[in-house]
Amino acid sequence: MKPNFAFDKINFLLIALGMLIVIVGFILMSGSVSTDAAFNPDIFSTRRIVIAPAVCLFGFLFIICAIMRKPR
């Protein structure tokens, strides 16, 4: 008798892909910092404020869809 698991191989691969997307989003958010001595205007760049959070949100939604996917 074959055991019935909640996830199959495809679910785990999709979850791993979603985690990779979230990690890429956090890497896009990283960068140089602003100190008391020197202000760095790059902390307000479009990449760090708009694109990176959108990529992270997409990754988290992708993980949720991967978890909810029913195996055949």
PDB file of N, CA and C in Angstrom:
ATOM      1  N   MET A   1       0.837  -1.185   0.000  1.00  0.00           N
ATOM      2  CA  MET A   1       0.000   0.000   0.000  1.00  0.00           C
ATOM      3  C   MET A   1       0.883   1.250   0.000  1.00  0.00           C
ATOM      4  N   LYS A   2       0.612   2.157  -0.913  1.00  0.00           N
ATOM      5  CA  LYS A   2       1.406   3.376  -1.045  1.00  0.00           C
ATOM      6  C   LYS A   2       0.891   4.430  -0.056  1.00  0.00           C
ATOM      7  N   PRO A   3       1.808   5.041   0.741  1.00  0.00           N
ATOM      8  CA  PRO A   3       1.351   6.062   1.694  1.00  0.00           C
ATOM      9  C   PRO A   3       0.909   7.337   0.967  1.00  0.00           C
ATOM     10  N   ASN A   4      -0.093   7.982   1.504  1.00  0.00           N
ATOM     11  CA  ASN A   4      -0.583   9.243   0.932  1.00  0.00           C
ATOM     12  C   ASN A   4       0.062  10.413   1.667  1.00  0.00           C
ATOM     13  N   PHE A   5       0.909  11.116   0.964  1.00  0.00           N
ATOM     14  CA  PHE A   5       1.564  12.290   1.530  1.00  0.00           C
ATOM     15  C   PHE A   5       0.811  13.545   1.104  1.00  0.00           C
ATOM     16  N   ALA A   6       0.898  14.583   1.911  1.00  0.00           N
ATOM     17  CA  ALA A   6       0.219  15.832   1.585  1.00  0.00           C
ATOM     18  C   ALA A   6       0.895  16.532   0.403  1.00  0.00           C
ATOM     19  N   PHE A   7       2.215  16.385   0.271  1.00  0.00           N
ATOM     20  CA  PHE A   7       2.957  17.017  -0.815  1.00  0.00           C
ATOM     21  C   PHE A   7       3.631  15.956  -1.665  1.00  0.00           C
ATOM     22  N   ASP A   8       3.798  16.281  -2.936  1.00  0.00           N
ATOM     23  CA  ASP A   8       4.599  15.426  -3.801  1.00  0.00           C
ATOM     24  C   ASP A   8       5.865  16.183  -4.206  1.00  0.00           C
ATOM     25  N   LYS A   9       6.614  15.600  -5.121  1.00  0.00           N
ATOM     26  CA  LYS A   9       7.895  16.186  -5.515  1.00  0.00           C
ATOM     27  C   LYS A   9       7.712  17.576  -6.136  1.00  0.00           C
ATOM     28  N   ILE A  10       6.663  17.742  -6.914  1.00  0.00           N
ATOM     29  CA  ILE A  10       6.408  19.028  -7.574  1.00  0.00           C
ATOM     30  C   ILE A  10       6.142  20.120  -6.537  1.00  0.00           C
ATOM     31  N   ASN A  11       5.373  19.791  -5.476  1.00  0.00           N
ATOM     32  CA  ASN A  11       5.116  20.774  -4.423  1.00  0.00           C
ATOM     33  C   ASN A  11       6.413  21.262  -3.798  1.00  0.00           C
ATOM     34  N   PHE A  12       7.300  20.331  -3.477  1.00  0.00           N
ATOM     35  CA  PHE A  12       8.571  20.716  -2.848  1.00  0.00           C
ATOM     36  C   PHE A  12       9.432  21.548  -3.789  1.00  0.00           C
ATOM     37  N   LEU A  13       9.422  21.210  -5.068  1.00  0.00           N
ATOM     38  CA  LEU A  13      10.194  22.003  -6.024  1.00  0.00           C
ATOM     39  C   LEU A  13       9.621  23.416  -6.156  1.00  0.00           C
ATOM     40  N   LEU A  14       8.290  23.540  -6.168  1.00  0.00           N
ATOM     41  CA  LEU A  14       7.673  24.860  -6.256  1.00  0.00           C
ATOM     42  C   LEU A  14       7.928  25.688  -4.997  1.00  0.00           C
ATOM     43  N   ILE A  15       7.909  25.041  -3.836  1.00  0.00           N
ATOM     44  CA  ILE A  15       8.211  25.746  -2.589  1.00  0.00           C
ATOM     45  C   ILE A  15       9.660  26.227  -2.589  1.00  0.00           C
ATOM     46  N   ALA A  16      10.574  25.382  -3.066  1.00  0.00           N
ATOM     47  CA  ALA A  16      11.978  25.785  -3.138  1.00  0.00           C
ATOM     48  C   ALA A  16      12.165  26.942  -4.116  1.00  0.00           C
ATOM     49  N   LEU A  17      11.443  26.911  -5.232  1.00  0.00           N
ATOM     50  CA  LEU A  17      11.524  28.011  -6.193  1.00  0.00           C
ATOM     51  C   LEU A  17      10.989  29.307  -5.583  1.00  0.00           C
ATOM     52  N   GLY A  18       9.897  29.214  -4.826  1.00  0.00           N
ATOM     53  CA  GLY A  18       9.360  30.392  -4.142  1.00  0.00           C
ATOM     54  C   GLY A  18      10.343  30.949  -3.132  1.00  0.00           C
ATOM     55  N   MET A  19      11.016  30.074  -2.386  1.00  0.00           N
ATOM     56  CA  MET A  19      12.033  30.529  -1.427  1.00  0.00           C
ATOM     57  C   MET A  19      13.175  31.232  -2.145  1.00  0.00           C
ATOM     58  N   LEU A  20      13.561  30.702  -3.292  1.00  0.00           N
ATOM     59  CA  LEU A  20      14.628  31.329  -4.079  1.00  0.00           C
ATOM     60  C   LEU A  20      14.204  32.725  -4.545  1.00  0.00           C
ATOM     61  N   ILE A  21      12.941  32.878  -4.948  1.00  0.00           N
ATOM     62  CA  ILE A  21      12.440  34.189  -5.370  1.00  0.00           C
ATOM     63  C   ILE A  21      12.469  35.169  -4.202  1.00  0.00           C
ATOM     64  N   VAL A  22      12.084  34.722  -3.013  1.00  0.00           N
ATOM     65  CA  VAL A  22      12.109  35.592  -1.829  1.00  0.00           C
ATOM     66  C   VAL A  22      13.544  35.996  -1.503  1.00  0.00           C
ATOM     67  N   ILE A  23      14.471  35.063  -1.591  1.00  0.00           N
ATOM     68  CA  ILE A  23      15.881  35.371  -1.320  1.00  0.00           C
ATOM     69  C   ILE A  23      16.402  36.400  -2.313  1.00  0.00           C
ATOM     70  N   VAL A  24      16.027  36.255  -3.586  1.00  0.00           N
ATOM     71  CA  VAL A  24      16.442  37.247  -4.589  1.00  0.00           C
ATOM     72  C   VAL A  24      15.871  38.623  -4.245  1.00  0.00           C
ATOM     73  N   GLY A  25      14.627  38.657  -3.766  1.00  0.00           N
ATOM     74  CA  GLY A  25      14.036  39.935  -3.349  1.00  0.00           C
ATOM     75  C   GLY A  25      14.802  40.583  -2.216  1.00  0.00           C
ATOM     76  N   PHE A  26      15.213  39.773  -1.232  1.00  0.00           N
ATOM     77  CA  PHE A  26      15.986  40.333  -0.123  1.00  0.00           C
ATOM     78  C   PHE A  26      17.374  40.777  -0.578  1.00  0.00           C
ATOM     79  N   ILE A  27      17.961  40.081  -1.532  1.00  0.00           N
ATOM     80  CA  ILE A  27      19.258  40.511  -2.069  1.00  0.00           C
ATOM     81  C   ILE A  27      19.100  41.838  -2.804  1.00  0.00           C
ATOM     82  N   LEU A  28      17.985  41.998  -3.532  1.00  0.00           N
ATOM     83  CA  LEU A  28      17.739  43.274  -4.218  1.00  0.00           C
ATOM     84  C   LEU A  28      17.553  44.419  -3.228  1.00  0.00           C
ATOM     85  N   MET A  29      17.034  44.108  -2.028  1.00  0.00           N
ATOM     86  CA  MET A  29      16.838  45.146  -1.012  1.00  0.00           C
ATOM     87  C   MET A  29      18.148  45.586  -0.366  1.00  0.00           C
ATOM     88  N   SER A  30      19.152  44.749  -0.401  1.00  0.00           N
ATOM     89  CA  SER A  30      20.401  45.069   0.285  1.00  0.00           C
ATOM     90  C   SER A  30      21.191  46.118  -0.500  1.00  0.00           C
ATOM     91  N   GLY A  31      22.114  46.730   0.177  1.00  0.00           N
ATOM     92  CA  GLY A  31      22.953  47.740  -0.458  1.00  0.00           C
ATOM     93  C   GLY A  31      23.704  48.522   0.594  1.00  0.00           C
ATOM     94  N   SER A  32      24.315  49.591   0.151  1.00  0.00           N
ATOM     95  CA  SER A  32      25.091  50.401   1.082  1.00  0.00           C
ATOM     96  C   SER A  32      24.160  51.163   2.019  1.00  0.00           C
ATOM     97  N   VAL A  33      24.675  51.497   3.181  1.00  0.00           N
ATOM     98  CA  VAL A  33      23.871  52.142   4.218  1.00  0.00           C
ATOM     99  C   VAL A  33      24.179  53.625   4.283  1.00  0.00           C
ATOM    100  N   SER A  34      23.320  54.336   4.989  1.00  0.00           N
ATOM    101  CA  SER A  34      23.524  55.752   5.242  1.00  0.00           C
ATOM    102  C   SER A  34      23.999  55.905   6.686  1.00  0.00           C
ATOM    103  N   THR A  35      25.054  56.663   6.907  1.00  0.00           N
ATOM    104  CA  THR A  35      25.599  56.849   8.258  1.00  0.00           C
ATOM    105  C   THR A  35      25.330  58.271   8.723  1.00  0.00           C
ATOM    106  N   ASP A  36      25.685  58.527   9.972  1.00  0.00           N
ATOM    107  CA  ASP A  36      25.542  59.882  10.508  1.00  0.00           C
ATOM    108  C   ASP A  36      26.465  60.864   9.793  1.00  0.00           C
ATOM    109  N   ALA A  37      27.629  60.384   9.378  1.00  0.00           N
ATOM    110  CA  ALA A  37      28.607  61.266   8.752  1.00  0.00           C
ATOM    111  C   ALA A  37      28.273  61.548   7.288  1.00  0.00           C
ATOM    112  N   ALA A  38      27.726  60.546   6.592  1.00  0.00           N
ATOM    113  CA  ALA A  38      27.474  60.711   5.165  1.00  0.00           C
ATOM    114  C   ALA A  38      26.109  60.132   4.804  1.00  0.00           C
ATOM    115  N   PHE A  39      25.286  60.951   4.153  1.00  0.00           N
ATOM    116  CA  PHE A  39      23.971  60.505   3.705  1.00  0.00           C
ATOM    117  C   PHE A  39      24.100  59.863   2.331  1.00  0.00           C
ATOM    118  N   ASN A  40      23.513  58.698   2.182  1.00  0.00           N
ATOM    119  CA  ASN A  40      23.553  57.992   0.909  1.00  0.00           C
ATOM    120  C   ASN A  40      22.141  57.989   0.314  1.00  0.00           C
ATOM    121  N   PRO A  41      21.905  58.735  -0.757  1.00  0.00           N
ATOM    122  CA  PRO A  41      20.550  58.787  -1.329  1.00  0.00           C
ATOM    123  C   PRO A  41      20.129  57.489  -2.015  1.00  0.00           C
ATOM    124  N   ASP A  42      21.039  56.542  -2.163  1.00  0.00           N
ATOM    125  CA  ASP A  42      20.715  55.260  -2.811  1.00  0.00           C
ATOM    126  C   ASP A  42      19.742  54.430  -1.978  1.00  0.00           C
ATOM    127  N   ILE A  43      19.589  54.769  -0.693  1.00  0.00           N
ATOM    128  CA  ILE A  43      18.646  54.003   0.123  1.00  0.00           C
ATOM    129  C   ILE A  43      17.207  54.240  -0.314  1.00  0.00           C
ATOM    130  N   PHE A  44      16.949  55.280  -1.094  1.00  0.00           N
ATOM    131  CA  PHE A  44      15.613  55.566  -1.600  1.00  0.00           C
ATOM    132  C   PHE A  44      15.464  55.220  -3.079  1.00  0.00           C
ATOM    133  N   SER A  45      16.285  54.314  -3.577  1.00  0.00           N
ATOM    134  CA  SER A  45      16.206  53.963  -4.995  1.00  0.00           C
ATOM    135  C   SER A  45      14.951  53.129  -5.273  1.00  0.00           C
ATOM    136  N   THR A  46      14.521  53.150  -6.510  1.00  0.00           N
ATOM    137  CA  THR A  46      13.329  52.406  -6.920  1.00  0.00           C
ATOM    138  C   THR A  46      13.521  50.906  -6.727  1.00  0.00           C
ATOM    139  N   ARG A  47      14.728  50.440  -6.947  1.00  0.00           N
ATOM    140  CA  ARG A  47      15.015  49.013  -6.776  1.00  0.00           C
ATOM    141  C   ARG A  47      14.777  48.566  -5.342  1.00  0.00           C
ATOM    142  N   ARG A  48      15.179  49.390  -4.386  1.00  0.00           N
ATOM    143  CA  ARG A  48      15.088  48.999  -2.971  1.00  0.00           C
ATOM    144  C   ARG A  48      13.720  49.263  -2.364  1.00  0.00           C
ATOM    145  N   ILE A  49      12.962  50.209  -2.904  1.00  0.00           N
ATOM    146  CA  ILE A  49      11.683  50.573  -2.299  1.00  0.00           C
ATOM    147  C   ILE A  49      10.496  49.919  -3.015  1.00  0.00           C
ATOM    148  N   VAL A  50      10.600  49.712  -4.333  1.00  0.00           N
ATOM    149  CA  VAL A  50       9.448  49.213  -5.090  1.00  0.00           C
ATOM    150  C   VAL A  50       9.671  47.796  -5.607  1.00  0.00           C
ATOM    151  N   ILE A  51      10.758  47.589  -6.321  1.00  0.00           N
ATOM    152  CA  ILE A  51      10.961  46.318  -7.024  1.00  0.00           C
ATOM    153  C   ILE A  51      11.216  45.171  -6.051  1.00  0.00           C
ATOM    154  N   ALA A  52      12.117  45.357  -5.101  1.00  0.00           N
ATOM    155  CA  ALA A  52      12.472  44.276  -4.178  1.00  0.00           C
ATOM    156  C   ALA A  52      11.291  43.823  -3.314  1.00  0.00           C
ATOM    157  N   PRO A  53      10.502  44.730  -2.718  1.00  0.00           N
ATOM    158  CA  PRO A  53       9.329  44.254  -1.972  1.00  0.00           C
ATOM    159  C   PRO A  53       8.303  43.550  -2.854  1.00  0.00           C
ATOM    160  N   ALA A  54       8.151  44.002  -4.105  1.00  0.00           N
ATOM    161  CA  ALA A  54       7.221  43.336  -5.020  1.00  0.00           C
ATOM    162  C   ALA A  54       7.693  41.916  -5.342  1.00  0.00           C
ATOM    163  N   VAL A  55       9.003  41.753  -5.521  1.00  0.00           N
ATOM    164  CA  VAL A  55       9.556  40.426  -5.785  1.00  0.00           C
ATOM    165  C   VAL A  55       9.354  39.518  -4.571  1.00  0.00           C
ATOM    166  N   CYS A  56       9.574  40.042  -3.375  1.00  0.00           N
ATOM    167  CA  CYS A  56       9.357  39.255  -2.154  1.00  0.00           C
ATOM    168  C   CYS A  56       7.890  38.871  -2.001  1.00  0.00           C
ATOM    169  N   LEU A  57       6.998  39.803  -2.246  1.00  0.00           N
ATOM    170  CA  LEU A  57       5.570  39.507  -2.154  1.00  0.00           C
ATOM    171  C   LEU A  57       5.176  38.428  -3.152  1.00  0.00           C
ATOM    172  N   PHE A  58       5.671  38.534  -4.387  1.00  0.00           N
ATOM    173  CA  PHE A  58       5.395  37.510  -5.384  1.00  0.00           C
ATOM    174  C   PHE A  58       5.928  36.155  -4.935  1.00  0.00           C
ATOM    175  N   GLY A  59       7.117  36.138  -4.328  1.00  0.00           N
ATOM    176  CA  GLY A  59       7.682  34.879  -3.835  1.00  0.00           C
ATOM    177  C   GLY A  59       6.842  34.260  -2.740  1.00  0.00           C
ATOM    178  N   PHE A  60       6.366  35.078  -1.792  1.00  0.00           N
ATOM    179  CA  PHE A  60       5.520  34.556  -0.723  1.00  0.00           C
ATOM    180  C   PHE A  60       4.189  34.048  -1.266  1.00  0.00           C
ATOM    181  N   LEU A  61       3.588  34.758  -2.215  1.00  0.00           N
ATOM    182  CA  LEU A  61       2.344  34.287  -2.833  1.00  0.00           C
ATOM    183  C   LEU A  61       2.577  33.001  -3.616  1.00  0.00           C
ATOM    184  N   PHE A  62       3.728  32.892  -4.257  1.00  0.00           N
ATOM    185  CA  PHE A  62       4.086  31.682  -4.992  1.00  0.00           C
ATOM    186  C   PHE A  62       4.218  30.496  -4.036  1.00  0.00           C
ATOM    187  N   ILE A  63       4.802  30.723  -2.871  1.00  0.00           N
ATOM    188  CA  ILE A  63       4.927  29.654  -1.872  1.00  0.00           C
ATOM    189  C   ILE A  63       3.546  29.222  -1.383  1.00  0.00           C
ATOM    190  N   ILE A  64       2.660  30.185  -1.154  1.00  0.00           N
ATOM    191  CA  ILE A  64       1.308  29.837  -0.707  1.00  0.00           C
ATOM    192  C   ILE A  64       0.592  28.999  -1.760  1.00  0.00           C
ATOM    193  N   CYS A  65       0.727  29.381  -3.031  1.00  0.00           N
ATOM    194  CA  CYS A  65       0.114  28.589  -4.104  1.00  0.00           C
ATOM    195  C   CYS A  65       0.743  27.208  -4.201  1.00  0.00           C
ATOM    196  N   ALA A  66       2.038  27.112  -3.981  1.00  0.00           N
ATOM    197  CA  ALA A  66       2.712  25.809  -4.022  1.00  0.00           C
ATOM    198  C   ALA A  66       2.245  24.914  -2.887  1.00  0.00           C
ATOM    199  N   ILE A  67       1.981  25.491  -1.725  1.00  0.00           N
ATOM    200  CA  ILE A  67       1.489  24.703  -0.588  1.00  0.00           C
ATOM    201  C   ILE A  67       0.059  24.232  -0.844  1.00  0.00           C
ATOM    202  N   MET A  68      -0.749  25.092  -1.455  1.00  0.00           N
ATOM    203  CA  MET A  68      -2.146  24.748  -1.663  1.00  0.00           C
ATOM    204  C   MET A  68      -2.387  23.842  -2.869  1.00  0.00           C
ATOM    205  N   ARG A  69      -1.378  23.642  -3.708  1.00  0.00           N
ATOM    206  CA  ARG A  69      -1.507  22.788  -4.896  1.00  0.00           C
ATOM    207  C   ARG A  69      -1.771  21.354  -4.462  1.00  0.00           C
ATOM    208  N   LYS A  70      -2.780  20.738  -5.077  1.00  0.00           N
ATOM    209  CA  LYS A  70      -3.107  19.351  -4.746  1.00  0.00           C
ATOM    210  C   LYS A  70      -2.281  18.411  -5.617  1.00  0.00           C
ATOM    211  N   PRO A  71      -1.622  17.431  -4.988  1.00  0.00           N
ATOM    212  CA  PRO A  71      -0.900  16.446  -5.797  1.00  0.00           C
ATOM    213  C   PRO A  71      -1.898  15.507  -6.491  1.00  0.00           C
ATOM    214  N   ARG A  72      -1.489  14.998  -7.628  1.00  0.00           N
ATOM    215  CA  ARG A  72      -2.381  14.104  -8.371  1.00  0.00           C
ATOM    216  C   ARG A  72      -2.430  12.730  -7.775  1.00  0.00           C
TER     217      ARG A  72
END
